[in-house]
Protein backbone atom coordinates (compact mmCIF):
# COMPACT_ATOMS: atom_id res chain seq x y z
CA MET A 1 55.97 95.37 33.64
CA ILE A 2 54.26 93.85 36.65
CA THR A 3 55.38 94.95 40.08
CA THR A 4 54.79 92.56 42.95
CA LYS A 5 54.63 92.69 46.72
CA VAL A 6 55.14 89.94 49.26
CA ALA A 7 51.96 88.69 50.92
CA ARG A 8 51.22 85.87 53.34
CA ARG A 9 49.38 82.72 52.27
CA ILE A 10 47.68 80.87 55.11
CA THR A 11 46.52 77.34 54.36
CA ILE A 12 44.06 75.68 56.73
CA VAL A 13 43.04 72.04 56.42
CA HIS A 14 40.05 71.21 58.56
CA ASP A 15 37.07 69.00 59.14
CA ALA A 16 34.21 70.23 56.93
CA ALA A 17 32.04 70.33 60.06
CA LEU A 18 34.00 73.48 60.99
CA LYS A 19 33.34 75.25 57.69
CA ASP A 20 31.01 78.00 58.93
CA LEU A 21 33.03 78.62 62.09
CA ILE A 22 36.34 78.86 60.20
CA PHE A 23 34.96 81.05 57.39
CA ASP A 24 33.22 83.41 59.81
CA GLN A 25 36.33 83.76 61.96
CA ILE A 26 38.76 84.44 59.11
CA GLU A 27 36.45 87.21 57.91
CA VAL A 28 36.24 88.67 61.44
CA LEU A 29 40.06 88.60 61.59
CA GLY A 30 40.26 90.68 58.40
CA ALA A 31 40.72 88.34 55.43
CA ALA A 32 39.33 90.06 52.34
CA CYS A 33 39.15 86.92 50.20
CA TYR A 34 39.82 83.19 50.33
CA HIS A 35 39.03 80.01 48.45
CA TYR A 36 38.50 76.41 49.49
CA LEU A 37 38.24 72.93 48.06
CA GLU A 38 37.50 69.43 49.28
CA VAL A 39 40.58 67.32 49.93
CA GLU A 40 41.44 63.86 51.15
CA GLY A 41 44.07 62.82 53.60
CA LYS A 42 44.86 61.23 56.90
CA GLY A 43 45.92 62.74 60.16
CA ARG A 44 45.75 62.33 63.88
CA HIS A 45 42.00 62.98 64.03
CA ALA A 46 39.35 61.38 61.83
CA VAL A 47 36.72 63.59 60.21
CA THR A 48 33.40 63.78 62.04
CA GLY A 49 31.10 63.94 59.01
CA ASP A 50 30.18 61.63 56.17
CA PRO A 51 32.82 61.94 53.41
CA TYR A 52 30.36 60.47 50.88
CA ASN A 53 28.12 63.51 51.38
CA GLY A 54 30.86 66.12 51.09
CA GLU A 55 31.55 66.24 54.81
CA GLY A 56 35.22 65.29 54.72
CA LEU A 57 38.15 67.68 54.78
CA LEU A 58 38.40 71.18 53.36
CA ARG A 59 41.53 73.11 52.43
CA VAL A 60 41.22 76.89 52.68
CA GLU A 61 43.80 79.26 51.23
CA ILE A 62 43.90 82.89 52.26
CA VAL A 63 46.29 85.37 50.68
CA THR A 64 46.53 88.38 52.95
CA THR A 65 48.84 90.70 54.83
CA GLN A 66 51.49 89.54 57.30
CA ALA A 67 49.51 91.01 60.22
CA ILE A 68 46.19 89.38 59.31
CA GLY A 69 47.97 86.10 58.57
CA ALA A 70 49.49 86.16 62.06
CA LYS A 71 46.06 86.76 63.63
CA ILE A 72 44.58 83.81 61.73
CA LEU A 73 47.43 81.48 62.70
CA ASP A 74 47.16 82.57 66.35
CA TRP A 75 43.43 81.85 66.34
CA ILE A 76 43.89 78.43 64.68
CA HIS A 77 46.65 77.49 67.12
CA ALA A 78 44.50 78.43 70.12
CA ALA A 79 41.46 76.62 68.67
CA GLN A 80 43.46 73.45 67.93
CA PHE A 81 44.40 72.98 71.55
CA ALA A 82 41.23 74.26 73.16
CA GLN A 83 37.63 73.95 72.02
CA LEU A 84 38.34 72.25 68.65
CA ASN A 85 40.89 69.65 69.73
CA GLN A 86 38.65 66.73 68.69
CA TYR A 87 38.51 67.86 65.05
CA ALA A 88 40.94 67.52 62.16
CA LEU A 89 42.48 70.99 62.02
CA PHE A 90 45.90 72.38 61.14
CA ALA A 91 47.37 75.39 59.39
CA PHE A 92 50.61 76.58 57.85
CA ALA A 93 51.89 79.73 56.18
CA ASP A 94 54.23 80.76 53.41
CA ASN A 95 55.13 83.94 51.56
CA VAL A 96 53.84 84.58 48.06
CA GLU A 97 54.23 87.42 45.59
CA VAL A 98 51.12 89.21 44.41
CA ASP A 99 50.56 91.82 41.75
CA GLU A 100 50.53 95.13 43.60
CA ARG A 101 47.43 96.16 41.62
CA ASP A 102 45.37 93.45 43.36
CA GLN A 103 43.81 95.72 45.95
CA ALA A 104 41.87 92.95 47.70
CA ILE A 105 45.21 91.77 49.04
CA THR A 106 47.63 94.68 48.82
CA GLN A 107 45.47 97.52 50.13
CA THR A 108 46.95 97.10 53.61
CA ILE A 109 50.36 95.64 52.79
């Protein structure tokens, strides 16, 4: 029987121009793993790149601990209203259940 633990999933949708900055920062803040994909959508800010060359929007999902998730959301919130306010950028969080044997996520839960 599988035993699960509650983890935090942080989803960030952002301008692809921010890819390196976002990925570097989430690693600095302690995320052990994440994935991303290209997405389409419309928001308050237009993307700065060329969507025909893969420079549109990216959606990043990070499954991590509550504490690391809070750090990432705090950083995104500060960045949205400070140095990155001209870019498409937003984030949200929800709780997910993960197999407790998945040590990349549960080692610090």
